[in-house]
C-alpha cells in the first residue's frame, strides 16, 4: 500500500491517523484477550506487523495504544451533534442521525464500536485505560461546549455553558458504560437497537441533567 506523504516528505496526517487506529485495534484485542499487564509493546508490534520502535514513535506507552479506538465513538457522536439544527429537538436529531449512520455506506464499523466498549469496560479495573476513556470524554466536553454555546447564543467558555456541557457528557459517559457493560455481560444488542427509543433515552437524560437547558 502506498504511503501518503506530507508536504515536508513525512507521513501525512491522514496516513498517521489511519496507522494509529490500526495499531490501536490490535492492541485493544490483545488487552481484552490476555490482559494489559500480560501484553507487551513487542506483542502489539508483532500483531500489527511493525517494529516495536515504530509503535513507540506513535504512542508514549502500551496503554496509550487504546486511545484511538476509544476515541472512535466520541468522534462519531460529535460529528452527529455538530449538525444539530436549532429547530430540531435532540430526540429527533439523534434518531435521524443514528438511523442514517445505520444505513451509511460504508456503515459505522461495529467491530470498532465493540472494541471501544471492551476498552471502556476494562477501564473499570485498569487505571491507564481509564485515562484514555476520560481523555476522550474531556475532548467530547470541549466539543459539547461549542455545540451548546451555539444553541444558547453564548461563548463556549461561558461558565453556564461549560456546566451544561459537563453534565451532558457525564450522561453520555455513564450511559455508554452501562450499555457497553450490559452487552459484554451477554445482553442482546437488539435490546438497544430501537433507534428512536435509544435517542429518547439519551435526550431525556441530557435534558434532566442540564435542567431543560439542552433540549
N, C-alpha and C. Protein backbone atom coordinates (compact mmCIF):
# COMPACT_ATOMS: atom_id res chain seq x y z
N UNK A 1 0.84 -1.19 0.00
CA UNK A 1 0.00 0.00 0.00
C UNK A 1 0.88 1.23 0.00
N UNK A 2 0.60 2.15 -0.88
CA UNK A 2 1.41 3.36 -0.98
C UNK A 2 1.20 4.23 0.24
N UNK A 3 2.25 4.84 0.70
CA UNK A 3 2.19 5.73 1.85
C UNK A 3 1.99 7.16 1.39
N UNK A 4 0.94 7.82 1.91
CA UNK A 4 0.71 9.21 1.57
C UNK A 4 1.76 10.06 2.27
N UNK A 5 2.25 11.06 1.57
CA UNK A 5 3.30 11.91 2.12
C UNK A 5 2.78 13.30 2.40
N UNK A 6 3.35 13.93 3.42
CA UNK A 6 3.03 15.32 3.67
C UNK A 6 3.94 16.17 2.81
N UNK A 7 3.67 17.46 2.84
CA UNK A 7 4.48 18.34 2.01
C UNK A 7 5.95 18.31 2.37
N UNK A 8 6.26 18.01 3.63
CA UNK A 8 7.65 18.00 4.06
C UNK A 8 8.33 16.67 3.85
N UNK A 9 7.65 15.73 3.22
CA UNK A 9 8.27 14.44 2.94
C UNK A 9 8.01 13.38 3.97
N UNK A 10 7.30 13.74 5.08
CA UNK A 10 6.99 12.76 6.10
C UNK A 10 5.63 12.13 5.87
N UNK A 11 5.20 11.34 6.83
CA UNK A 11 3.90 10.70 6.73
C UNK A 11 2.79 11.73 6.86
N UNK A 12 1.76 11.61 6.04
CA UNK A 12 0.65 12.57 6.09
C UNK A 12 -0.17 12.35 7.36
N UNK A 13 -0.92 13.38 7.74
CA UNK A 13 -1.77 13.27 8.92
C UNK A 13 -2.82 12.17 8.74
N UNK A 14 -3.34 12.06 7.52
CA UNK A 14 -4.36 11.03 7.25
C UNK A 14 -3.76 9.64 7.44
N UNK A 15 -2.60 9.42 6.87
CA UNK A 15 -1.93 8.12 6.99
C UNK A 15 -1.53 7.84 8.44
N UNK A 16 -1.06 8.88 9.13
CA UNK A 16 -0.66 8.70 10.54
C UNK A 16 -1.87 8.31 11.39
N UNK A 17 -2.99 8.99 11.17
CA UNK A 17 -4.21 8.68 11.91
C UNK A 17 -4.67 7.26 11.63
N UNK A 18 -4.61 6.87 10.35
CA UNK A 18 -5.02 5.53 9.95
C UNK A 18 -4.12 4.46 10.60
N UNK A 19 -2.82 4.73 10.61
CA UNK A 19 -1.88 3.76 11.19
C UNK A 19 -2.09 3.64 12.70
N UNK A 20 -2.30 4.78 13.36
CA UNK A 20 -2.54 4.75 14.81
C UNK A 20 -3.79 3.92 15.13
N UNK A 21 -4.81 4.04 14.29
CA UNK A 21 -6.03 3.28 14.51
C UNK A 21 -5.80 1.79 14.29
N UNK A 22 -5.00 1.44 13.28
CA UNK A 22 -4.68 0.04 13.03
C UNK A 22 -3.94 -0.57 14.22
N UNK A 23 -2.98 0.17 14.74
CA UNK A 23 -2.23 -0.29 15.91
C UNK A 23 -3.19 -0.44 17.10
N UNK A 24 -4.07 0.54 17.26
CA UNK A 24 -4.98 0.55 18.39
C UNK A 24 -5.92 -0.66 18.36
N UNK A 25 -6.39 -1.02 17.18
CA UNK A 25 -7.28 -2.19 17.06
C UNK A 25 -6.60 -3.45 17.59
N UNK A 26 -5.36 -3.69 17.15
CA UNK A 26 -4.67 -4.91 17.58
C UNK A 26 -4.29 -4.86 19.05
N UNK A 27 -3.91 -3.68 19.51
CA UNK A 27 -3.58 -3.54 20.93
C UNK A 27 -4.81 -3.82 21.79
N UNK A 28 -5.96 -3.28 21.38
CA UNK A 28 -7.20 -3.47 22.14
C UNK A 28 -7.58 -4.95 22.18
N UNK A 29 -7.43 -5.63 21.06
CA UNK A 29 -7.75 -7.07 21.03
C UNK A 29 -6.87 -7.84 22.02
N UNK A 30 -5.58 -7.51 22.02
CA UNK A 30 -4.66 -8.18 22.93
C UNK A 30 -4.98 -7.85 24.39
N UNK A 31 -5.26 -6.60 24.67
CA UNK A 31 -5.60 -6.20 26.04
C UNK A 31 -6.81 -6.98 26.54
N UNK A 32 -7.80 -7.14 25.66
CA UNK A 32 -9.03 -7.82 26.06
C UNK A 32 -8.81 -9.32 26.23
N UNK A 33 -8.02 -9.91 25.32
CA UNK A 33 -7.84 -11.36 25.33
C UNK A 33 -6.90 -11.84 26.44
N UNK A 34 -5.84 -11.07 26.71
CA UNK A 34 -4.84 -11.58 27.67
C UNK A 34 -4.53 -10.63 28.82
N UNK A 35 -5.18 -9.47 28.83
CA UNK A 35 -4.94 -8.52 29.90
C UNK A 35 -3.86 -7.51 29.55
N UNK A 36 -3.94 -6.35 30.17
CA UNK A 36 -2.98 -5.28 29.88
C UNK A 36 -1.59 -5.65 30.37
N UNK A 37 -1.51 -6.15 31.60
CA UNK A 37 -0.20 -6.47 32.18
C UNK A 37 0.54 -7.52 31.37
N UNK A 38 -0.19 -8.46 30.80
CA UNK A 38 0.43 -9.56 30.05
C UNK A 38 0.76 -9.18 28.61
N UNK A 39 0.38 -8.00 28.20
CA UNK A 39 0.62 -7.57 26.81
C UNK A 39 1.82 -6.61 26.76
N UNK A 40 2.72 -6.90 25.86
CA UNK A 40 3.93 -6.07 25.73
C UNK A 40 3.90 -5.27 24.42
N UNK A 41 4.74 -4.26 24.38
CA UNK A 41 4.87 -3.49 23.15
C UNK A 41 5.33 -4.36 21.99
N UNK A 42 6.19 -5.33 22.29
CA UNK A 42 6.66 -6.25 21.25
C UNK A 42 5.51 -7.06 20.66
N UNK A 43 4.59 -7.51 21.53
CA UNK A 43 3.45 -8.28 21.04
C UNK A 43 2.52 -7.43 20.18
N UNK A 44 2.32 -6.20 20.58
CA UNK A 44 1.49 -5.30 19.78
C UNK A 44 2.12 -5.10 18.41
N UNK A 45 3.40 -4.86 18.40
CA UNK A 45 4.11 -4.64 17.14
C UNK A 45 4.01 -5.87 16.24
N UNK A 46 4.19 -7.04 16.83
CA UNK A 46 4.11 -8.28 16.05
C UNK A 46 2.70 -8.47 15.47
N UNK A 47 1.68 -8.14 16.26
CA UNK A 47 0.30 -8.30 15.79
C UNK A 47 0.00 -7.39 14.61
N UNK A 48 0.57 -6.18 14.63
CA UNK A 48 0.31 -5.21 13.55
C UNK A 48 1.23 -5.44 12.35
N UNK A 49 2.37 -6.12 12.62
CA UNK A 49 3.34 -6.31 11.55
C UNK A 49 4.29 -5.15 11.40
N UNK A 50 4.61 -4.50 12.54
CA UNK A 50 5.51 -3.35 12.55
C UNK A 50 6.63 -3.61 13.54
N UNK A 51 7.63 -2.76 13.53
CA UNK A 51 8.69 -2.86 14.52
C UNK A 51 8.21 -2.22 15.82
N UNK A 52 8.77 -2.69 16.92
CA UNK A 52 8.43 -2.10 18.22
C UNK A 52 8.80 -0.62 18.24
N UNK A 53 9.89 -0.30 17.59
CA UNK A 53 10.33 1.10 17.53
C UNK A 53 9.26 1.98 16.89
N UNK A 54 8.60 1.45 15.86
CA UNK A 54 7.54 2.22 15.20
C UNK A 54 6.37 2.44 16.16
N UNK A 55 6.05 1.44 16.96
CA UNK A 55 4.96 1.59 17.94
C UNK A 55 5.26 2.76 18.85
N UNK A 56 6.50 2.84 19.33
CA UNK A 56 6.85 3.90 20.29
C UNK A 56 6.99 5.26 19.61
N UNK A 57 7.09 5.28 18.29
CA UNK A 57 7.09 6.57 17.60
C UNK A 57 5.68 7.17 17.59
N UNK A 58 4.68 6.31 17.68
CA UNK A 58 3.29 6.77 17.60
C UNK A 58 2.57 6.81 18.94
N UNK A 59 3.11 6.10 19.93
CA UNK A 59 2.45 6.05 21.24
C UNK A 59 3.48 6.18 22.35
N UNK A 60 3.09 6.86 23.43
CA UNK A 60 4.01 7.09 24.55
C UNK A 60 4.12 5.89 25.48
N UNK A 61 3.13 4.97 25.43
CA UNK A 61 3.12 3.78 26.29
C UNK A 61 2.21 2.74 25.65
N UNK A 62 2.29 1.51 26.13
CA UNK A 62 1.42 0.48 25.54
C UNK A 62 -0.05 0.78 25.83
N UNK A 63 -0.34 1.30 27.05
CA UNK A 63 -1.73 1.60 27.39
C UNK A 63 -2.31 2.70 26.52
N UNK A 64 -1.49 3.64 26.11
CA UNK A 64 -2.00 4.73 25.27
C UNK A 64 -2.39 4.25 23.88
N UNK A 65 -1.98 3.03 23.53
CA UNK A 65 -2.39 2.47 22.25
C UNK A 65 -3.91 2.30 22.17
N UNK A 66 -4.58 2.27 23.30
CA UNK A 66 -6.03 2.10 23.31
C UNK A 66 -6.76 3.39 22.96
N UNK A 67 -6.08 4.52 23.01
CA UNK A 67 -6.76 5.81 22.87
C UNK A 67 -7.50 5.99 21.54
N UNK A 68 -6.90 5.70 20.38
CA UNK A 68 -7.63 5.92 19.13
C UNK A 68 -8.92 5.12 19.02
N UNK A 69 -8.92 3.86 19.46
CA UNK A 69 -10.13 3.06 19.35
C UNK A 69 -11.20 3.56 20.31
N UNK A 70 -10.79 4.03 21.48
CA UNK A 70 -11.74 4.59 22.44
C UNK A 70 -12.34 5.89 21.90
N UNK A 71 -11.52 6.64 21.15
CA UNK A 71 -11.99 7.92 20.60
C UNK A 71 -12.96 7.75 19.46
N UNK A 72 -13.03 6.57 18.85
CA UNK A 72 -13.86 6.37 17.67
C UNK A 72 -15.32 6.75 17.91
N UNK A 73 -15.87 6.27 19.01
CA UNK A 73 -17.26 6.57 19.31
C UNK A 73 -17.48 8.04 19.59
N UNK A 74 -16.50 8.67 20.22
CA UNK A 74 -16.59 10.10 20.52
C UNK A 74 -16.61 10.91 19.22
N UNK A 75 -15.75 10.55 18.29
CA UNK A 75 -15.70 11.24 17.00
C UNK A 75 -17.03 11.13 16.28
N UNK A 76 -17.63 9.94 16.32
CA UNK A 76 -18.93 9.73 15.67
C UNK A 76 -20.00 10.58 16.33
N UNK A 77 -20.05 10.58 17.65
CA UNK A 77 -21.06 11.35 18.36
C UNK A 77 -20.93 12.84 18.07
N UNK A 78 -19.72 13.36 18.10
CA UNK A 78 -19.55 14.79 17.90
C UNK A 78 -19.86 15.20 16.47
N UNK A 79 -19.60 14.32 15.51
CA UNK A 79 -19.97 14.64 14.13
C UNK A 79 -21.49 14.72 14.01
N UNK A 80 -22.19 13.91 14.79
CA UNK A 80 -23.65 13.94 14.81
C UNK A 80 -24.15 15.25 15.42
N UNK A 81 -23.58 15.65 16.54
CA UNK A 81 -24.06 16.84 17.24
C UNK A 81 -23.75 18.14 16.51
N UNK A 82 -22.67 18.15 15.75
CA UNK A 82 -22.34 19.39 15.02
C UNK A 82 -23.41 19.77 14.02
N UNK A 83 -24.16 18.79 13.53
CA UNK A 83 -25.19 19.07 12.54
C UNK A 83 -26.58 19.29 13.15
N UNK A 84 -26.64 19.48 14.47
CA UNK A 84 -27.91 19.63 15.17
C UNK A 84 -28.51 21.02 14.91
N UNK A 85 -29.62 21.07 14.20
CA UNK A 85 -30.28 22.33 13.85
C UNK A 85 -31.10 22.84 15.02
N UNK A 86 -31.18 24.15 15.16
CA UNK A 86 -31.86 24.75 16.30
C UNK A 86 -33.33 24.37 16.38
N UNK A 87 -33.98 24.25 15.22
CA UNK A 87 -35.42 23.98 15.22
C UNK A 87 -35.74 22.51 15.44
N UNK A 88 -34.72 21.67 15.61
CA UNK A 88 -34.92 20.24 15.77
C UNK A 88 -34.63 19.82 17.21
N UNK A 89 -35.51 19.01 17.78
CA UNK A 89 -35.28 18.53 19.15
C UNK A 89 -34.11 17.55 19.15
N UNK A 90 -33.52 17.37 20.32
CA UNK A 90 -32.40 16.44 20.43
C UNK A 90 -32.85 15.02 20.12
N UNK A 91 -34.06 14.64 20.58
CA UNK A 91 -34.57 13.30 20.28
C UNK A 91 -34.66 13.06 18.78
N UNK A 92 -35.29 14.02 18.08
CA UNK A 92 -35.49 13.86 16.64
C UNK A 92 -34.16 13.84 15.90
N UNK A 93 -33.25 14.71 16.33
CA UNK A 93 -31.95 14.77 15.64
C UNK A 93 -31.17 13.48 15.85
N UNK A 94 -31.10 13.00 17.09
CA UNK A 94 -30.36 11.78 17.36
C UNK A 94 -30.98 10.59 16.63
N UNK A 95 -32.30 10.51 16.62
CA UNK A 95 -32.97 9.40 15.96
C UNK A 95 -32.66 9.41 14.46
N UNK A 96 -32.73 10.58 13.85
CA UNK A 96 -32.48 10.68 12.41
C UNK A 96 -31.03 10.35 12.08
N UNK A 97 -30.09 10.85 12.89
CA UNK A 97 -28.68 10.62 12.62
C UNK A 97 -28.26 9.18 12.89
N UNK A 98 -28.79 8.58 13.95
CA UNK A 98 -28.46 7.19 14.24
C UNK A 98 -29.01 6.27 13.15
N UNK A 99 -30.18 6.62 12.64
CA UNK A 99 -30.74 5.84 11.52
C UNK A 99 -29.87 5.99 10.28
N UNK A 100 -29.44 7.22 10.02
CA UNK A 100 -28.59 7.47 8.84
C UNK A 100 -27.28 6.70 8.95
N UNK A 101 -26.67 6.73 10.14
CA UNK A 101 -25.41 6.02 10.32
C UNK A 101 -25.58 4.52 10.12
N UNK A 102 -26.75 4.02 10.51
CA UNK A 102 -27.01 2.59 10.34
C UNK A 102 -27.10 2.17 8.89
N UNK A 103 -27.39 3.12 8.00
CA UNK A 103 -27.51 2.80 6.57
C UNK A 103 -26.39 3.41 5.74
N UNK A 104 -25.42 4.00 6.43
CA UNK A 104 -24.32 4.67 5.73
C UNK A 104 -23.46 3.65 4.99
N UNK A 105 -22.92 4.07 3.85
CA UNK A 105 -22.02 3.25 3.06
C UNK A 105 -20.65 3.94 2.97
N UNK A 106 -19.56 3.33 3.54
CA UNK A 106 -19.62 2.13 4.38
C UNK A 106 -20.25 2.44 5.73
N UNK A 107 -20.85 1.44 6.38
CA UNK A 107 -21.50 1.67 7.67
C UNK A 107 -20.47 1.92 8.76
N UNK A 108 -20.95 2.45 9.88
CA UNK A 108 -20.07 2.62 11.03
C UNK A 108 -19.51 1.25 11.40
N UNK A 109 -18.22 1.18 11.66
CA UNK A 109 -17.57 -0.10 11.94
C UNK A 109 -18.01 -0.64 13.31
N UNK A 110 -18.90 -1.63 13.30
CA UNK A 110 -19.41 -2.18 14.55
C UNK A 110 -18.31 -2.91 15.33
N UNK A 111 -17.33 -3.45 14.62
CA UNK A 111 -16.22 -4.12 15.31
C UNK A 111 -15.44 -3.11 16.13
N UNK A 112 -15.22 -1.92 15.56
CA UNK A 112 -14.54 -0.86 16.31
C UNK A 112 -15.36 -0.43 17.51
N UNK A 113 -16.69 -0.31 17.33
CA UNK A 113 -17.56 0.07 18.43
C UNK A 113 -17.47 -0.95 19.56
N UNK A 114 -17.44 -2.23 19.20
CA UNK A 114 -17.37 -3.28 20.22
C UNK A 114 -16.02 -3.26 20.94
N UNK A 115 -14.95 -3.02 20.19
CA UNK A 115 -13.63 -2.91 20.82
C UNK A 115 -13.58 -1.74 21.79
N UNK A 116 -14.20 -0.62 21.39
CA UNK A 116 -14.24 0.54 22.27
C UNK A 116 -14.98 0.20 23.56
N UNK A 117 -16.11 -0.50 23.43
CA UNK A 117 -16.87 -0.93 24.61
C UNK A 117 -16.01 -1.78 25.53
N UNK A 118 -15.23 -2.68 24.92
CA UNK A 118 -14.38 -3.56 25.72
C UNK A 118 -13.31 -2.77 26.47
N UNK A 119 -12.73 -1.76 25.82
CA UNK A 119 -11.71 -0.95 26.49
C UNK A 119 -12.32 -0.12 27.61
N UNK A 120 -13.53 0.39 27.38
CA UNK A 120 -14.21 1.16 28.42
C UNK A 120 -14.54 0.25 29.60
N UNK A 121 -14.91 -1.00 29.30
CA UNK A 121 -15.20 -1.96 30.37
C UNK A 121 -13.93 -2.29 31.13
N UNK A 122 -12.83 -2.53 30.42
CA UNK A 122 -11.55 -2.82 31.08
C UNK A 122 -11.08 -1.66 31.94
N UNK A 123 -11.49 -0.44 31.54
CA UNK A 123 -11.06 0.76 32.26
C UNK A 123 -11.53 0.77 33.71
N UNK A 124 -12.54 -0.04 34.03
CA UNK A 124 -13.01 -0.12 35.41
C UNK A 124 -11.93 -0.64 36.34
N UNK A 125 -11.04 -1.48 35.81
CA UNK A 125 -10.00 -2.09 36.65
C UNK A 125 -8.58 -1.75 36.19
N UNK A 126 -8.46 -1.01 35.09
CA UNK A 126 -7.15 -0.65 34.56
C UNK A 126 -7.02 0.88 34.53
N UNK A 127 -6.36 1.47 35.52
CA UNK A 127 -6.27 2.93 35.60
C UNK A 127 -5.72 3.59 34.34
N UNK A 128 -4.75 2.96 33.69
CA UNK A 128 -4.16 3.56 32.49
C UNK A 128 -5.17 3.62 31.36
N UNK A 129 -6.02 2.61 31.25
CA UNK A 129 -7.07 2.65 30.23
C UNK A 129 -8.18 3.62 30.63
N UNK A 130 -8.41 3.77 31.92
CA UNK A 130 -9.37 4.75 32.39
C UNK A 130 -8.96 6.14 31.94
N UNK A 131 -7.66 6.37 31.95
CA UNK A 131 -7.14 7.66 31.49
C UNK A 131 -7.51 7.91 30.04
N UNK A 132 -7.40 6.88 29.20
CA UNK A 132 -7.75 7.03 27.78
C UNK A 132 -9.22 7.38 27.62
N UNK A 133 -10.09 6.72 28.37
CA UNK A 133 -11.53 6.97 28.31
C UNK A 133 -11.86 8.38 28.81
N UNK A 134 -11.23 8.79 29.91
CA UNK A 134 -11.51 10.13 30.44
C UNK A 134 -10.95 11.22 29.53
N UNK A 135 -9.85 10.93 28.84
CA UNK A 135 -9.33 11.88 27.85
C UNK A 135 -10.32 12.05 26.70
N UNK A 136 -10.93 10.94 26.29
CA UNK A 136 -11.93 11.01 25.23
C UNK A 136 -13.13 11.82 25.70
N UNK A 137 -13.54 11.63 26.94
CA UNK A 137 -14.67 12.39 27.49
C UNK A 137 -14.34 13.87 27.60
N UNK A 138 -13.09 14.17 27.93
CA UNK A 138 -12.67 15.57 28.01
C UNK A 138 -12.76 16.24 26.64
N UNK A 139 -12.34 15.52 25.61
CA UNK A 139 -12.44 16.04 24.25
C UNK A 139 -13.91 16.23 23.88
N UNK A 140 -14.74 15.30 24.27
CA UNK A 140 -16.16 15.40 23.99
C UNK A 140 -16.76 16.63 24.71
N UNK A 141 -16.32 16.89 25.91
CA UNK A 141 -16.84 18.04 26.66
C UNK A 141 -16.49 19.35 25.98
N UNK A 142 -15.28 19.45 25.45
CA UNK A 142 -14.88 20.66 24.74
C UNK A 142 -15.76 20.88 23.51
N UNK A 143 -15.99 19.81 22.79
CA UNK A 143 -16.84 19.90 21.60
C UNK A 143 -18.28 20.23 21.99
N UNK A 144 -18.75 19.60 23.07
CA UNK A 144 -20.11 19.83 23.52
C UNK A 144 -20.31 21.29 23.95
N UNK A 145 -19.29 21.89 24.54
CA UNK A 145 -19.38 23.31 24.92
C UNK A 145 -19.62 24.19 23.70
N UNK A 146 -18.96 23.86 22.61
CA UNK A 146 -19.13 24.62 21.38
C UNK A 146 -20.55 24.46 20.84
N UNK A 147 -21.06 23.22 20.84
CA UNK A 147 -22.41 22.93 20.34
C UNK A 147 -23.46 23.64 21.19
N UNK A 148 -23.35 23.51 22.52
CA UNK A 148 -24.34 24.10 23.41
C UNK A 148 -24.24 25.62 23.38
N UNK A 149 -23.02 26.15 23.35
CA UNK A 149 -22.85 27.60 23.28
C UNK A 149 -23.52 28.19 22.06
N UNK A 150 -23.40 27.51 20.94
CA UNK A 150 -24.02 27.96 19.70
C UNK A 150 -25.54 27.97 19.83
N UNK A 151 -26.10 26.95 20.45
CA UNK A 151 -27.55 26.87 20.61
C UNK A 151 -28.08 27.93 21.57
N UNK A 152 -27.29 28.27 22.58
CA UNK A 152 -27.73 29.25 23.58
C UNK A 152 -27.24 30.66 23.29
N UNK A 153 -26.56 30.84 22.15
CA UNK A 153 -26.01 32.14 21.77
C UNK A 153 -25.07 32.70 22.84
N UNK A 154 -24.22 31.81 23.35
CA UNK A 154 -23.23 32.21 24.34
C UNK A 154 -21.88 31.64 23.93
N UNK A 155 -20.79 32.26 24.40
CA UNK A 155 -19.47 31.71 24.06
C UNK A 155 -19.27 30.35 24.70
N UNK A 156 -18.45 29.54 24.07
CA UNK A 156 -18.24 28.17 24.56
C UNK A 156 -17.56 28.13 25.93
N UNK A 157 -16.86 29.23 26.32
CA UNK A 157 -16.20 29.24 27.62
C UNK A 157 -17.04 29.90 28.70
N UNK A 158 -18.30 30.23 28.38
CA UNK A 158 -19.23 30.74 29.38
C UNK A 158 -19.41 29.69 30.47
N UNK A 159 -19.43 30.11 31.73
CA UNK A 159 -19.48 29.17 32.85
C UNK A 159 -20.71 28.27 32.78
N UNK A 160 -21.89 28.85 32.51
CA UNK A 160 -23.10 28.05 32.46
C UNK A 160 -23.06 27.05 31.30
N UNK A 161 -22.52 27.49 30.16
CA UNK A 161 -22.39 26.60 29.01
C UNK A 161 -21.48 25.43 29.36
N UNK A 162 -20.37 25.72 30.01
CA UNK A 162 -19.44 24.66 30.37
C UNK A 162 -20.06 23.68 31.36
N UNK A 163 -20.86 24.18 32.28
CA UNK A 163 -21.51 23.28 33.24
C UNK A 163 -22.54 22.39 32.55
N UNK A 164 -23.28 22.97 31.60
CA UNK A 164 -24.22 22.17 30.83
C UNK A 164 -23.50 21.10 30.02
N UNK A 165 -22.38 21.49 29.42
CA UNK A 165 -21.60 20.54 28.62
C UNK A 165 -21.06 19.41 29.50
N UNK A 166 -20.57 19.77 30.69
CA UNK A 166 -20.04 18.75 31.60
C UNK A 166 -21.15 17.78 32.02
N UNK A 167 -22.34 18.33 32.28
CA UNK A 167 -23.46 17.48 32.68
C UNK A 167 -23.89 16.56 31.54
N UNK A 168 -23.95 17.10 30.33
CA UNK A 168 -24.37 16.30 29.17
C UNK A 168 -23.38 15.19 28.89
N UNK A 169 -22.11 15.50 28.98
CA UNK A 169 -21.08 14.48 28.71
C UNK A 169 -21.07 13.41 29.80
N UNK A 170 -21.34 13.81 31.03
CA UNK A 170 -21.43 12.82 32.11
C UNK A 170 -22.55 11.83 31.83
N UNK A 171 -23.66 12.33 31.31
CA UNK A 171 -24.77 11.44 30.94
C UNK A 171 -24.31 10.45 29.87
N UNK A 172 -23.66 10.96 28.83
CA UNK A 172 -23.20 10.10 27.74
C UNK A 172 -22.21 9.06 28.26
N UNK A 173 -21.29 9.51 29.13
CA UNK A 173 -20.28 8.59 29.67
C UNK A 173 -20.94 7.46 30.45
N UNK A 174 -21.84 7.81 31.37
CA UNK A 174 -22.48 6.81 32.20
C UNK A 174 -23.36 5.87 31.37
N UNK A 175 -24.10 6.44 30.41
CA UNK A 175 -24.96 5.60 29.56
C UNK A 175 -24.12 4.66 28.71
N UNK A 176 -23.03 5.17 28.13
CA UNK A 176 -22.16 4.32 27.31
C UNK A 176 -21.56 3.19 28.14
N UNK A 177 -21.12 3.52 29.35
CA UNK A 177 -20.55 2.50 30.22
C UNK A 177 -21.60 1.45 30.58
N UNK A 178 -22.81 1.91 30.86
CA UNK A 178 -23.89 0.99 31.23
C UNK A 178 -24.25 0.06 30.08
N UNK A 179 -24.44 0.62 28.89
CA UNK A 179 -24.83 -0.18 27.73
C UNK A 179 -23.71 -1.14 27.34
N UNK A 180 -22.47 -0.65 27.34
CA UNK A 180 -21.34 -1.50 27.00
C UNK A 180 -21.20 -2.66 27.95
N UNK A 181 -21.35 -2.38 29.26
CA UNK A 181 -21.23 -3.44 30.26
C UNK A 181 -22.34 -4.47 30.08
N UNK A 182 -23.54 -4.00 29.77
CA UNK A 182 -24.67 -4.92 29.59
C UNK A 182 -24.45 -5.84 28.40
N UNK A 183 -24.00 -5.27 27.29
CA UNK A 183 -23.78 -6.07 26.09
C UNK A 183 -22.66 -7.08 26.31
N UNK A 184 -21.57 -6.63 26.94
CA UNK A 184 -20.45 -7.53 27.17
C UNK A 184 -20.79 -8.60 28.20
N UNK A 185 -21.81 -8.34 29.02
CA UNK A 185 -22.24 -9.34 30.00
C UNK A 185 -23.22 -10.33 29.40
N UNK A 186 -23.57 -10.13 28.13
CA UNK A 186 -24.44 -11.09 27.46
C UNK A 186 -25.80 -10.58 27.05
N UNK A 187 -26.08 -9.29 27.31
CA UNK A 187 -27.37 -8.73 26.89
C UNK A 187 -27.47 -8.73 25.37
N UNK A 188 -28.65 -8.91 24.87
CA UNK A 188 -28.88 -8.91 23.43
C UNK A 188 -28.71 -7.49 22.89
N UNK A 189 -27.75 -7.27 21.96
CA UNK A 189 -27.57 -5.92 21.40
C UNK A 189 -28.85 -5.36 20.80
N UNK A 190 -29.77 -6.25 20.39
CA UNK A 190 -31.03 -5.80 19.80
C UNK A 190 -31.85 -5.02 20.82
N UNK A 191 -31.56 -5.24 22.10
CA UNK A 191 -32.27 -4.51 23.16
C UNK A 191 -32.03 -3.01 23.03
N UNK A 192 -30.88 -2.66 22.46
CA UNK A 192 -30.54 -1.25 22.28
C UNK A 192 -30.64 -0.84 20.82
N UNK A 193 -31.30 -1.67 20.02
CA UNK A 193 -31.37 -1.43 18.58
C UNK A 193 -32.52 -0.56 18.14
N UNK A 194 -33.46 -0.25 19.05
CA UNK A 194 -34.56 0.64 18.72
C UNK A 194 -34.02 2.06 18.73
N UNK A 195 -33.75 2.61 17.54
CA UNK A 195 -33.07 3.90 17.42
C UNK A 195 -33.85 5.01 18.11
N UNK A 196 -35.15 5.06 17.88
CA UNK A 196 -35.95 6.13 18.48
C UNK A 196 -35.97 6.05 20.00
N UNK A 197 -36.08 4.83 20.51
CA UNK A 197 -36.09 4.64 21.96
C UNK A 197 -34.74 5.01 22.56
N UNK A 198 -33.66 4.64 21.89
CA UNK A 198 -32.32 4.95 22.38
C UNK A 198 -32.08 6.46 22.35
N UNK A 199 -32.49 7.11 21.26
CA UNK A 199 -32.34 8.56 21.14
C UNK A 199 -33.12 9.26 22.25
N UNK A 200 -34.34 8.79 22.50
CA UNK A 200 -35.18 9.38 23.54
C UNK A 200 -34.54 9.21 24.92
N UNK A 201 -33.96 8.04 25.13
CA UNK A 201 -33.32 7.76 26.42
C UNK A 201 -32.16 8.70 26.70
N UNK A 202 -31.30 8.89 25.71
CA UNK A 202 -30.17 9.81 25.86
C UNK A 202 -30.65 11.24 26.01
N UNK A 203 -31.60 11.65 25.15
CA UNK A 203 -32.06 13.03 25.15
C UNK A 203 -32.74 13.39 26.47
N UNK A 204 -33.56 12.50 26.98
CA UNK A 204 -34.26 12.77 28.23
C UNK A 204 -33.27 12.88 29.39
N UNK A 205 -32.26 12.04 29.39
CA UNK A 205 -31.26 12.09 30.45
C UNK A 205 -30.44 13.38 30.38
N UNK A 206 -30.10 13.81 29.17
CA UNK A 206 -29.35 15.06 28.99
C UNK A 206 -30.22 16.25 29.39
N UNK A 207 -31.49 16.22 29.02
CA UNK A 207 -32.39 17.31 29.39
C UNK A 207 -32.49 17.41 30.92
N UNK A 208 -32.64 16.29 31.58
CA UNK A 208 -32.75 16.30 33.04
C UNK A 208 -31.47 16.81 33.68
N UNK A 209 -30.32 16.37 33.18
CA UNK A 209 -29.04 16.76 33.75
C UNK A 209 -28.72 18.23 33.56
N UNK A 210 -29.27 18.83 32.51
CA UNK A 210 -29.00 20.25 32.23
C UNK A 210 -30.17 21.16 32.63
N UNK A 211 -31.12 20.63 33.36
CA UNK A 211 -32.25 21.45 33.80
C UNK A 211 -33.06 22.01 32.67
N UNK A 212 -33.25 21.21 31.62
CA UNK A 212 -34.03 21.60 30.44
C UNK A 212 -33.36 22.68 29.59
N UNK A 213 -32.08 22.98 29.87
CA UNK A 213 -31.38 23.99 29.06
C UNK A 213 -31.00 23.44 27.71
N UNK A 214 -30.72 22.13 27.65
CA UNK A 214 -30.33 21.48 26.39
C UNK A 214 -31.47 20.56 25.98
N UNK A 215 -32.20 20.97 24.96
CA UNK A 215 -33.36 20.20 24.51
C UNK A 215 -33.28 19.92 23.02
